[in-house]
C-alpha atoms as a PDB file:
ATOM      1  CA  MET A   1     122.596  70.938  99.900  1.00  0.00           C
ATOM      2  CA  PRO A   2     120.092  68.053  99.701  1.00  0.00           C
ATOM      3  CA  GLN A   3     117.005  68.437 101.854  1.00  0.00           C
ATOM      4  CA  ILE A   4     117.455  65.031 103.458  1.00  0.00           C
ATOM      5  CA  ILE A   5     120.326  62.885 104.593  1.00  0.00           C
ATOM      6  CA  LEU A   6     120.216  59.120 105.042  1.00  0.00           C
ATOM      7  CA  PHE A   7     122.627  57.452 107.454  1.00  0.00           C
ATOM      8  CA  SER A   8     123.234  53.749 107.715  1.00  0.00           C
ATOM      9  CA  GLY A   9     123.950  51.993 110.970  1.00  0.00           C
ATOM     10  CA  SER A  10     126.157  48.917 110.931  1.00  0.00           C
ATOM     11  CA  ALA A  11     123.262  46.421 111.207  1.00  0.00           C
ATOM     12  CA  ASN A  12     122.272  46.463 107.509  1.00  0.00           C
ATOM     13  CA  PRO A  13     124.424  48.710 105.300  1.00  0.00           C
ATOM     14  CA  HIS A  14     123.439  46.790 102.147  1.00  0.00           C
ATOM     15  CA  LEU A  15     119.767  47.685 102.565  1.00  0.00           C
ATOM     16  CA  ALA A  16     120.635  51.302 103.364  1.00  0.00           C
ATOM     17  CA  GLY A  17     122.764  51.497 100.223  1.00  0.00           C
ATOM     18  CA  ALA A  18     119.923  50.074  98.137  1.00  0.00           C
ATOM     19  CA  VAL A  19     117.500  52.644  99.579  1.00  0.00           C
ATOM     20  CA  ALA A  20     119.968  55.449  98.803  1.00  0.00           C
ATOM     21  CA  ARG A  21     120.204  54.228  95.199  1.00  0.00           C
ATOM     22  CA  GLU A  22     116.411  54.210  94.938  1.00  0.00           C
ATOM     23  CA  LEU A  23     116.389  57.822  96.169  1.00  0.00           C
ATOM     24  CA  ALA A  24     119.348  58.778  93.940  1.00  0.00           C
ATOM     25  CA  ILE A  25     121.232  60.271  96.885  1.00  0.00           C
ATOM     26  CA  PRO A  26     124.532  59.337  98.529  1.00  0.00           C
ATOM     27  CA  LEU A  27     124.559  57.804 101.984  1.00  0.00           C
ATOM     28  CA  GLY A  28     125.445  60.205 104.768  1.00  0.00           C
ATOM     29  CA  ARG A  29     129.011  59.887 106.020  1.00  0.00           C
ATOM     30  CA  ALA A  30     129.404  58.640 109.576  1.00  0.00           C
ATOM     31  CA  THR A  31     131.910  56.679 111.615  1.00  0.00           C
ATOM     32  CA  VAL A  32     130.812  53.907 113.965  1.00  0.00           C
ATOM     33  CA  GLU A  33     133.365  52.460 116.374  1.00  0.00           C
ATOM     34  CA  ARG A  34     133.253  50.235 119.424  1.00  0.00           C
ATOM     35  CA  PHE A  35     135.509  50.509 122.418  1.00  0.00           C
ATOM     36  CA  PRO A  36     137.151  47.351 123.836  1.00  0.00           C
ATOM     37  CA  ASP A  37     134.433  47.117 126.500  1.00  0.00           C
ATOM     38  CA  GLY A  38     131.691  47.113 123.838  1.00  0.00           C
ATOM     39  CA  GLU A  39     130.549  50.739 124.143  1.00  0.00           C
ATOM     40  CA  VAL A  40     129.503  52.304 120.852  1.00  0.00           C
ATOM     41  CA  SER A  41     130.800  55.588 119.463  1.00  0.00           C
ATOM     42  CA  VAL A  42     129.115  57.381 116.555  1.00  0.00           C
ATOM     43  CA  HIS A  43     130.480  60.439 114.760  1.00  0.00           C
ATOM     44  CA  LEU A  44     128.554  62.215 111.980  1.00  0.00           C
ATOM     45  CA  ASN A  45     131.073  63.306 109.358  1.00  0.00           C
ATOM     46  CA  GLU A  46     128.896  65.970 107.759  1.00  0.00           C
ATOM     47  CA  SER A  47     126.516  68.710 108.830  1.00  0.00           C
ATOM     48  CA  VAL A  48     122.895  67.842 109.631  1.00  0.00           C
ATOM     49  CA  ARG A  49     121.842  71.277 110.849  1.00  0.00           C
ATOM     50  CA  ASN A  50     118.178  71.932 109.993  1.00  0.00           C
ATOM     51  CA  ARG A  51     118.105  68.887 107.709  1.00  0.00           C
ATOM     52  CA  GLU A  52     115.739  65.919 107.771  1.00  0.00           C
ATOM     53  CA  VAL A  53     117.821  63.031 109.041  1.00  0.00           C
ATOM     54  CA  PHE A  54     116.855  59.419 108.311  1.00  0.00           C
ATOM     55  CA  ILE A  55     118.705  56.674 110.171  1.00  0.00           C
ATOM     56  CA  LEU A  56     118.300  53.132 108.873  1.00  0.00           C
ATOM     57  CA  GLN A  57     119.119  50.560 111.535  1.00  0.00           C
ATOM     58  CA  PRO A  58     117.207  47.337 112.194  1.00  0.00           C
ATOM     59  CA  THR A  59     117.497  46.159 115.781  1.00  0.00           C
ATOM     60  CA  ALA A  60     118.157  42.604 114.674  1.00  0.00           C
ATOM     61  CA  PRO A  61     120.444  40.213 116.584  1.00  0.00           C
ATOM     62  CA  PRO A  62     122.567  41.213 118.344  1.00  0.00           C
ATOM     63  CA  VAL A  63     119.586  43.299 119.405  1.00  0.00           C
ATOM     64  CA  ASP A  64     121.009  45.348 122.277  1.00  0.00           C
ATOM     65  CA  PRO A  65     124.210  46.564 120.526  1.00  0.00           C
ATOM     66  CA  ASN A  66     122.222  47.510 117.425  1.00  0.00           C
ATOM     67  CA  LEU A  67     119.599  49.306 119.506  1.00  0.00           C
ATOM     68  CA  MET A  68     122.239  51.321 121.366  1.00  0.00           C
ATOM     69  CA  GLU A  69     123.869  52.251 118.056  1.00  0.00           C
ATOM     70  CA  LEU A  70     120.520  53.606 116.831  1.00  0.00           C
ATOM     71  CA  VAL A  71     120.180  55.614 120.051  1.00  0.00           C
ATOM     72  CA  ALA A  72     123.702  56.980 119.583  1.00  0.00           C
ATOM     73  CA  PHE A  73     122.937  58.043 116.004  1.00  0.00           C
ATOM     74  CA  ALA A  74     119.762  59.825 117.098  1.00  0.00           C
ATOM     75  CA  ASP A  75     121.470  61.582 119.991  1.00  0.00           C
ATOM     76  CA  ALA A  76     124.318  62.718 117.742  1.00  0.00           C
ATOM     77  CA  ALA A  77     121.857  64.128 115.192  1.00  0.00           C
ATOM     78  CA  ARG A  78     119.818  65.880 117.894  1.00  0.00           C
ATOM     79  CA  ARG A  79     122.892  67.524 119.413  1.00  0.00           C
ATOM     80  CA  ALA A  80     123.993  68.602 115.927  1.00  0.00           C
ATOM     81  CA  ALA A  81     120.705  70.528 115.458  1.00  0.00           C
ATOM     82  CA  ALA A  82     118.981  68.245 112.964  1.00  0.00           C
ATOM     83  CA  GLY A  83     115.633  69.567 111.812  1.00  0.00           C
ATOM     84  CA  ARG A  84     113.841  66.219 112.188  1.00  0.00           C
ATOM     85  CA  ILE A  85     115.076  62.728 113.005  1.00  0.00           C
ATOM     86  CA  VAL A  86     113.344  59.689 111.509  1.00  0.00           C
ATOM     87  CA  ALA A  87     114.405  56.235 112.671  1.00  0.00           C
ATOM     88  CA  ILE A  88     113.837  53.592 109.987  1.00  0.00           C
ATOM     89  CA  VAL A  89     113.811  50.295 111.869  1.00  0.00           C
ATOM     90  CA  PRO A  90     112.976  47.596 109.301  1.00  0.00           C
ATOM     91  CA  TYR A  91     113.026  44.901 111.993  1.00  0.00           C
ATOM     92  CA  PHE A  92     111.967  46.174 115.429  1.00  0.00           C
ATOM     93  CA  GLY A  93     113.466  44.100 118.216  1.00  0.00           C
ATOM     94  CA  TYR A  94     111.497  43.804 121.471  1.00  0.00           C
ATOM     95  CA  ALA A  95     108.197  44.252 119.591  1.00  0.00           C
ATOM     96  CA  ARG A  96     107.094  40.875 120.976  1.00  0.00           C
ATOM     97  CA  SER A  97     107.394  42.155 124.546  1.00  0.00           C
ATOM     98  CA  ASP A  98     104.114  44.072 124.383  1.00  0.00           C
ATOM     99  CA  LYS A  99     102.569  42.981 127.688  1.00  0.00           C
ATOM    100  CA  ARG A 100     103.518  41.556 131.061  1.00  0.00           C
ATOM    101  CA  GLY A 101     103.577  37.793 131.406  1.00  0.00           C
ATOM    102  CA  GLU A 102     103.789  38.082 135.173  1.00  0.00           C
ATOM    103  CA  ARG A 103     103.168  40.944 137.585  1.00  0.00           C
ATOM    104  CA  ARG A 104     106.853  41.847 137.945  1.00  0.00           C
ATOM    105  CA  ASP A 105     107.846  41.592 134.265  1.00  0.00           C
ATOM    106  CA  PRO A 106     108.883  44.561 132.086  1.00  0.00           C
ATOM    107  CA  ILE A 107     107.159  45.657 128.904  1.00  0.00           C
ATOM    108  CA  MET A 108     110.264  46.120 126.797  1.00  0.00           C
ATOM    109  CA  ALA A 109     108.413  47.490 123.770  1.00  0.00           C
ATOM    110  CA  SER A 110     107.388  50.428 125.958  1.00  0.00           C
ATOM    111  CA  ALA A 111     110.898  50.830 127.386  1.00  0.00           C
ATOM    112  CA  VAL A 112     112.477  50.878 123.920  1.00  0.00           C
ATOM    113  CA  ALA A 113     109.920  53.414 122.684  1.00  0.00           C
ATOM    114  CA  ALA A 114     110.766  55.681 125.618  1.00  0.00           C
ATOM    115  CA  MET A 115     114.480  55.272 124.914  1.00  0.00           C
ATOM    116  CA  LEU A 116     114.172  56.279 121.258  1.00  0.00           C
ATOM    117  CA  GLN A 117     111.967  59.266 122.059  1.00  0.00           C
ATOM    118  CA  GLY A 118     114.361  60.365 124.788  1.00  0.00           C
ATOM    119  CA  ALA A 119     117.257  60.228 122.326  1.00  0.00           C
ATOM    120  CA  GLY A 120     115.491  62.695 120.042  1.00  0.00           C
ATOM    121  CA  VAL A 121     113.730  60.525 117.456  1.00  0.00           C
ATOM    122  CA  ASP A 122     110.750  62.421 116.013  1.00  0.00           C
ATOM    123  CA  HIS A 123     109.267  59.689 113.830  1.00  0.00           C
ATOM    124  CA  VAL A 124     109.637  55.909 113.531  1.00  0.00           C
ATOM    125  CA  VAL A 125     109.111  53.752 110.454  1.00  0.00           C
ATOM    126  CA  THR A 126     109.091  49.970 110.751  1.00  0.00           C
ATOM    127  CA  ILE A 127     108.000  46.986 108.671  1.00  0.00           C
ATOM    128  CA  ASP A 128     105.585  44.251 109.780  1.00  0.00           C
ATOM    129  CA  PRO A 129     106.209  44.409 113.540  1.00  0.00           C
ATOM    130  CA  HIS A 130     105.339  41.223 115.395  1.00  0.00           C
ATOM    131  CA  SER A 131     102.820  43.083 117.570  1.00  0.00           C
ATOM    132  CA  PRO A 132     100.812  45.870 115.883  1.00  0.00           C
ATOM    133  CA  GLN A 133     100.087  47.348 119.313  1.00  0.00           C
ATOM    134  CA  LEU A 134     103.704  48.549 119.294  1.00  0.00           C
ATOM    135  CA  GLU A 135     102.289  51.814 117.951  1.00  0.00           C
ATOM    136  CA  GLY A 136     100.550  52.444 121.262  1.00  0.00           C
ATOM    137  CA  TYR A 137     103.844  52.816 123.160  1.00  0.00           C
ATOM    138  CA  PHE A 138     104.990  55.853 121.177  1.00  0.00           C
ATOM    139  CA  ARG A 139     103.979  59.472 121.698  1.00  0.00           C
ATOM    140  CA  ILE A 140     105.582  60.375 118.364  1.00  0.00           C
ATOM    141  CA  PRO A 141     104.324  59.292 114.917  1.00  0.00           C
ATOM    142  CA  ILE A 142     105.092  55.676 114.039  1.00  0.00           C
ATOM    143  CA  ASP A 143     104.279  54.195 110.651  1.00  0.00           C
ATOM    144  CA  THR A 144     104.196  50.462 110.018  1.00  0.00           C
ATOM    145  CA  LEU A 145     104.798  49.465 106.425  1.00  0.00           C
ATOM    146  CA  SER A 146     104.001  46.016 105.106  1.00  0.00           C
ATOM    147  CA  ALA A 147     106.170  43.786 102.928  1.00  0.00           C
ATOM    148  CA  VAL A 148     103.274  41.415 102.189  1.00  0.00           C
ATOM    149  CA  THR A 149     102.581  42.866  98.750  1.00  0.00           C
ATOM    150  CA  THR A 150     106.280  42.780  97.845  1.00  0.00           C
ATOM    151  CA  LEU A 151     106.596  39.150  98.912  1.00  0.00           C
ATOM    152  CA  ALA A 152     103.276  38.005  97.459  1.00  0.00           C
ATOM    153  CA  LEU A 153     103.969  39.522  94.046  1.00  0.00           C
ATOM    154  CA  SER A 154     107.372  37.825  93.960  1.00  0.00           C
ATOM    155  CA  LEU A 155     105.681  34.477  94.721  1.00  0.00           C
ATOM    156  CA  ARG A 156     102.507  34.776  92.681  1.00  0.00           C
ATOM    157  CA  HIS A 157     103.790  32.904  89.639  1.00  0.00           C
ATOM    158  CA  ARG A 158     105.727  30.295  91.639  1.00  0.00           C
ATOM    159  CA  VAL A 159     102.813  29.036  93.748  1.00  0.00           C
ATOM    160  CA  PRO A 160     100.931  26.141  92.032  1.00  0.00           C
ATOM    161  CA  GLN A 161      97.283  26.673  91.139  1.00  0.00           C
ATOM    162  CA  ASN A 162      96.124  23.939  93.528  1.00  0.00           C
ATOM    163  CA  ALA A 163      98.167  25.245  96.472  1.00  0.00           C
ATOM    164  CA  VAL A 164      96.822  26.451  99.814  1.00  0.00           C
ATOM    165  CA  ILE A 165      98.126  29.331 101.905  1.00  0.00           C
ATOM    166  CA  VAL A 166      98.806  28.182 105.450  1.00  0.00           C
ATOM    167  CA  ALA A 167      98.707  30.275 108.614  1.00  0.00           C
ATOM    168  CA  PRO A 168     100.891  28.378 111.136  1.00  0.00           C
ATOM    169  CA  ASP A 169      98.670  29.617 113.976  1.00  0.00           C
ATOM    170  CA  VAL A 170      95.489  31.608 114.493  1.00  0.00           C
ATOM    171  CA  GLY A 171      97.522  34.785 115.019  1.00  0.00           C
ATOM    172  CA  ALA A 172      98.806  34.579 111.438  1.00  0.00           C
ATOM    173  CA  LEU A 173      95.337  34.189 109.892  1.00  0.00           C
ATOM    174  CA  ARG A 174      94.971  37.855 108.945  1.00  0.00           C
ATOM    175  CA  LEU A 175      98.415  37.781 107.368  1.00  0.00           C
ATOM    176  CA  ALA A 176      97.583  34.630 105.379  1.00  0.00           C
ATOM    177  CA  THR A 177      94.354  36.234 104.186  1.00  0.00           C
ATOM    178  CA  ARG A 178      96.307  39.188 102.807  1.00  0.00           C
ATOM    179  CA  TYR A 179      98.537  36.813 100.842  1.00  0.00           C
ATOM    180  CA  ALA A 180      95.424  35.015  99.609  1.00  0.00           C
ATOM    181  CA  ASP A 181      93.919  38.262  98.320  1.00  0.00           C
ATOM    182  CA  ILE A 182      96.955  38.787  96.072  1.00  0.00           C
ATOM    183  CA  ILE A 183      97.837  35.214  95.101  1.00  0.00           C
ATOM    184  CA  ASP A 184      94.205  34.007  94.951  1.00  0.00           C
ATOM    185  CA  ARG A 185      94.521  30.711  96.793  1.00  0.00           C
ATOM    186  CA  PRO A 186      92.443  29.291  99.690  1.00  0.00           C
ATOM    187  CA  VAL A 187      93.586  29.697 103.303  1.00  0.00           C
ATOM    188  CA  VAL A 188      94.251  26.925 105.818  1.00  0.00           C
ATOM    189  CA  VAL A 189      94.793  27.514 109.553  1.00  0.00           C
ATOM    190  CA  MET A 190      96.839  25.415 111.964  1.00  0.00           C
ATOM    191  CA  HIS A 191      95.666  25.243 115.570  1.00  0.00           C
ATOM    192  CA  LYS A 192      98.314  24.517 118.174  1.00  0.00           C
ATOM    193  CA  ARG A 193      98.896  24.379 121.890  1.00  0.00           C
ATOM    194  CA  ARG A 194     102.049  25.021 123.844  1.00  0.00           C
ATOM    195  CA  ALA A 195     103.701  21.833 125.143  1.00  0.00           C
ATOM    196  CA  THR A 196     106.647  23.509 126.889  1.00  0.00           C
ATOM    197  CA  ALA A 197     108.112  26.987 127.139  1.00  0.00           C
ATOM    198  CA  ARG A 198     109.973  26.371 123.857  1.00  0.00           C
ATOM    199  CA  ALA A 199     107.785  23.910 121.971  1.00  0.00           C
ATOM    200  CA  THR A 200     104.277  23.801 120.539  1.00  0.00           C
ATOM    201  CA  LEU A 201     102.132  20.980 119.155  1.00  0.00           C
ATOM    202  CA  VAL A 202      99.738  21.236 116.205  1.00  0.00           C
ATOM    203  CA  THR A 203      96.384  19.887 117.391  1.00  0.00           C
ATOM    204  CA  HIS A 204      94.310  20.150 114.206  1.00  0.00           C
ATOM    205  CA  ILE A 205      94.137  21.741 110.762  1.00  0.00           C
ATOM    206  CA  VAL A 206      91.194  23.772 109.490  1.00  0.00           C
ATOM    207  CA  GLY A 207      90.970  23.393 105.716  1.00  0.00           C
ATOM    208  CA  ASP A 208      91.636  20.820 103.024  1.00  0.00           C
ATOM    209  CA  VAL A 209      95.351  20.138 102.410  1.00  0.00           C
ATOM    210  CA  GLU A 210      95.256  16.577 101.047  1.00  0.00           C
ATOM    211  CA  HIS A 211      97.289  16.191  97.823  1.00  0.00           C
ATOM    212  CA  ARG A 212      97.922  19.937  97.736  1.00  0.00           C
ATOM    213  CA  PRO A 213     101.182  21.931  97.944  1.00  0.00           C
ATOM    214  CA  ALA A 214     101.379  24.733 100.496  1.00  0.00           C
ATOM    215  CA  LEU A 215     102.657  28.265 100.959  1.00  0.00           C
ATOM    216  CA  ILE A 216     103.328  28.742 104.686  1.00  0.00           C
ATOM    217  CA  VAL A 217     103.411  32.415 105.717  1.00  0.00           C
ATOM    218  CA  ASP A 218     104.416  34.223 108.881  1.00  0.00           C
ATOM    219  CA  ASP A 219     105.771  37.610 109.879  1.00  0.00           C
ATOM    220  CA  MET A 220     109.108  36.204 111.075  1.00  0.00           C
ATOM    221  CA  ILE A 221     111.156  33.027 111.310  1.00  0.00           C
ATOM    222  CA  SER A 222     113.161  32.802 114.513  1.00  0.00           C
ATOM    223  CA  THR A 223     114.272  29.298 115.492  1.00  0.00           C
ATOM    224  CA  GLY A 224     112.263  27.659 112.705  1.00  0.00           C
ATOM    225  CA  GLU A 225     110.551  25.330 115.179  1.00  0.00           C
ATOM    226  CA  THR A 226     107.020  26.575 114.478  1.00  0.00           C
ATOM    227  CA  ILE A 227     107.458  26.283 110.716  1.00  0.00           C
ATOM    228  CA  ARG A 228     109.013  22.813 110.957  1.00  0.00           C
ATOM    229  CA  ARG A 229     106.117  21.533 113.089  1.00  0.00           C
ATOM    230  CA  CYS A 230     103.729  23.073 110.588  1.00  0.00           C
ATOM    231  CA  VAL A 231     105.476  21.254 107.730  1.00  0.00           C
ATOM    232  CA  ASP A 232     105.359  17.947 109.590  1.00  0.00           C
ATOM    233  CA  ALA A 233     101.661  18.383 110.406  1.00  0.00           C
ATOM    234  CA  LEU A 234     100.826  19.195 106.780  1.00  0.00           C
ATOM    235  CA  LEU A 235     102.673  16.101 105.572  1.00  0.00           C
ATOM    236  CA  GLY A 236     100.815  14.028 108.159  1.00  0.00           C
ATOM    237  CA  ALA A 237      97.530  15.374 106.792  1.00  0.00           C
ATOM    238  CA  GLY A 238      98.393  14.318 103.252  1.00  0.00           C
ATOM    239  CA  ALA A 239      99.762  17.547 101.782  1.00  0.00           C
ATOM    240  CA  GLN A 240     102.174  17.316  98.863  1.00  0.00           C
ATOM    241  CA  PRO A 241     105.848  17.442  99.912  1.00  0.00           C
ATOM    242  CA  GLU A 242     106.312  20.622  97.895  1.00  0.00           C
ATOM    243  CA  MET A 243     106.126  23.640 100.162  1.00  0.00           C
ATOM    244  CA  ILE A 244     107.264  27.251 100.123  1.00  0.00           C
ATOM    245  CA  VAL A 245     107.840  29.221 103.310  1.00  0.00           C
ATOM    246  CA  ALA A 246     107.573  33.037 103.254  1.00  0.00           C
ATOM    247  CA  ALA A 247     108.170  35.585 106.024  1.00  0.00           C
ATOM    248  CA  THR A 248     109.107  39.245 106.224  1.00  0.00           C
ATOM    249  CA  HIS A 249     111.903  38.832 108.765  1.00  0.00           C
ATOM    250  CA  GLY A 250     114.390  35.970 108.700  1.00  0.00           C
ATOM    251  CA  LEU A 251     116.245  35.784 112.016  1.00  0.00           C
ATOM    252  CA  PHE A 252     117.228  32.107 111.558  1.00  0.00           C
ATOM    253  CA  LEU A 253     118.458  31.445 115.087  1.00  0.00           C
ATOM    254  CA  GLU A 254     119.528  28.209 116.778  1.00  0.00           C
ATOM    255  CA  GLY A 255     120.031  26.144 113.639  1.00  0.00           C
ATOM    256  CA  ALA A 256     116.834  27.255 111.901  1.00  0.00           C
ATOM    257  CA  PRO A 257     118.250  26.698 108.374  1.00  0.00           C
ATOM    258  CA  HIS A 258     118.990  23.078 109.302  1.00  0.00           C
ATOM    259  CA  LYS A 259     115.417  22.575 110.551  1.00  0.00           C
ATOM    260  CA  LEU A 260     113.997  23.920 107.302  1.00  0.00           C
ATOM    261  CA  ASP A 261     116.467  22.174 105.007  1.00  0.00           C
ATOM    262  CA  VAL A 262     114.159  19.224 104.346  1.00  0.00           C
ATOM    263  CA  VAL A 263     113.065  17.717 101.042  1.00  0.00           C
ATOM    264  CA  SER A 264     109.457  18.834 101.491  1.00  0.00           C
ATOM    265  CA  VAL A 265     110.454  22.538 101.703  1.00  0.00           C
ATOM    266  CA  ARG A 266     111.260  23.778  98.202  1.00  0.00           C
ATOM    267  CA  GLU A 267     112.361  27.281  99.159  1.00  0.00           C
ATOM    268  CA  VAL A 268     112.308  29.820 101.982  1.00  0.00           C
ATOM    269  CA  VAL A 269     111.618  33.434 100.992  1.00  0.00           C
ATOM    270  CA  VAL A 270     112.317  36.427 103.252  1.00  0.00           C
ATOM    271  CA  THR A 271     113.045  40.123 102.771  1.00  0.00           C
ATOM    272  CA  ASP A 272     116.330  41.912 103.349  1.00  0.00           C
ATOM    273  CA  THR A 273     115.192  43.695 106.541  1.00  0.00           C
ATOM    274  CA  ILE A 274     117.906  41.557 108.198  1.00  0.00           C
ATOM    275  CA  VAL A 275     121.262  40.670 106.658  1.00  0.00           C
ATOM    276  CA  GLN A 276     121.205  37.032 105.535  1.00  0.00           C
ATOM    277  CA  THR A 277     123.844  34.329 105.263  1.00  0.00           C
ATOM    278  CA  PHE A 278     123.417  32.369 102.047  1.00  0.00           C
ATOM    279  CA  TRP A 279     122.073  28.830 102.106  1.00  0.00           C
ATOM    280  CA  PRO A 280     120.736  26.975  99.059  1.00  0.00           C
ATOM    281  CA  LYS A 281     116.981  27.183  99.677  1.00  0.00           C
ATOM    282  CA  LEU A 282     116.967  30.810 100.814  1.00  0.00           C
ATOM    283  CA  LYS A 283     115.624  33.508  98.480  1.00  0.00           C
ATOM    284  CA  THR A 284     115.722  37.188  99.461  1.00  0.00           C
ATOM    285  CA  VAL A 285     113.357  39.913  98.236  1.00  0.00           C
ATOM    286  CA  SER A 286     114.378  43.535  98.744  1.00  0.00           C
ATOM    287  CA  VAL A 287     112.240  46.128 100.528  1.00  0.00           C
ATOM    288  CA  ALA A 288     114.463  49.011  99.417  1.00  0.00           C
ATOM    289  CA  ALA A 289     111.826  50.429  97.060  1.00  0.00           C
ATOM    290  CA  LEU A 290     109.194  50.154  99.795  1.00  0.00           C
ATOM    291  CA  ILE A 291     111.327  52.170 102.225  1.00  0.00           C
ATOM    292  CA  ALA A 292     112.382  54.699  99.583  1.00  0.00           C
ATOM    293  CA  GLY A 293     108.738  55.284  98.685  1.00  0.00           C
ATOM    294  CA  ALA A 294     107.933  55.942 102.335  1.00  0.00           C
ATOM    295  CA  ILE A 295     110.799  58.438 102.608  1.00  0.00           C
ATOM    296  CA  ASN A 296     109.651  60.251  99.474  1.00  0.00           C
ATOM    297  CA  ARG A 297     106.137  60.433 100.911  1.00  0.00           C
ATOM    298  CA  ALA A 298     107.455  61.883 104.167  1.00  0.00           C
ATOM    299  CA  ILE A 299     109.537  64.759 102.817  1.00  0.00           C
ATOM    300  CA  GLY A 300     109.181  67.954 100.889  1.00  0.00           C
ATOM    301  CA  PRO A 301     106.694  70.810 100.778  1.00  0.00           C
ATOM    302  CA  THR A 302     104.790  69.130  97.940  1.00  0.00           C
ATOM    303  CA  VAL A 303     103.560  66.207 100.017  1.00  0.00           C
ATOM    304  CA  ASP A 304      99.870  65.505  99.401  1.00  0.00           C
ATOM    305  CA  GLU A 305      98.460  65.665 102.920  1.00  0.00           C
ATOM    306  CA  SER A 306      95.344  63.811 101.785  1.00  0.00           C
ATOM    307  CA  VAL A 307      97.377  60.620 101.255  1.00  0.00           C
ATOM    308  CA  PRO A 308      98.409  58.847 104.479  1.00  0.00           C
ATOM    309  CA  PHE A 309     102.152  58.370 104.930  1.00  0.00           C
ATOM    310  CA  GLU A 310     101.747  54.638 105.437  1.00  0.00           C
ATOM    311  CA  ALA A 311      99.683  54.199 102.264  1.00  0.00           C
ATOM    312  CA  VAL A 312     102.905  53.738 100.319  1.00  0.00           C
ATOM    313  CA  GLY A 313     103.623  50.430 101.991  1.00  0.00           C
ATOM    314  CA  THR A 314     100.393  48.886 103.142  1.00  0.00           C
ATOM    315  CA  THR A 315      97.783  46.843 101.372  1.00  0.00           C
ATOM    316  CA  ASP A 316      94.867  47.298 103.732  1.00  0.00           C
END
């Protein structure tokens, strides 16, 4: 019997299948059903007793149903006497809720961490969470892999020599610098202020963008509003209308593809942490090898304890 078993939730079976192929193992057999009222039911169709169980399930939209499915998988494995349960959550929903905005607000990142631990999860693996401080809400090991190297290497030969790498806000500066280290292009930072609860305005640009194409990088694309304002500001500053947008997670909510489907945006590149619907400018890069490498690092009696688990997927 194989030492490990990898189950796929319903949120991203294609990625789970790709990871299983990288590991040269079959996916674990399980049945996921939903009752008419929306409740989830999970049944594991093979034994997990004393085995290392990996459950791959991003909590992408719809976030709450996918999160509850992950909890159900973990609880089923715990009650079936699994040896260890590792939740692989390529996109971690609620990671942005890492502090209280007002005195009577929840911190949902903390609540979700408590929920997963209560369900029996022993270890969490995620990729480029929006807030790195997510790690602080877990009492169990959590490893954050990075898709930056995977994305940057896929883009390295498609980014013009005179291009700049653009951080759409100060918070993305460290991310842009990591791209710059691999692609070897200068970094430009956009400064912005919030105009309303849903809109921001770019106030000024730090760096030379005139007559230069741009690679705009971020950890995620949600509504596309931030990226579109960044594109417009770059064009207003004289940048070439030849831009590439790259992000680890492509949520593409509220008409985001339409906002980014402009002549000045040549292509939009994301990973497959979230299942994508095809549109002409979208390119997808797989993180299956990244996740498979992390799983290989985590298992077996021959693991080199001197090498950190997360070293497989990070560039820092």
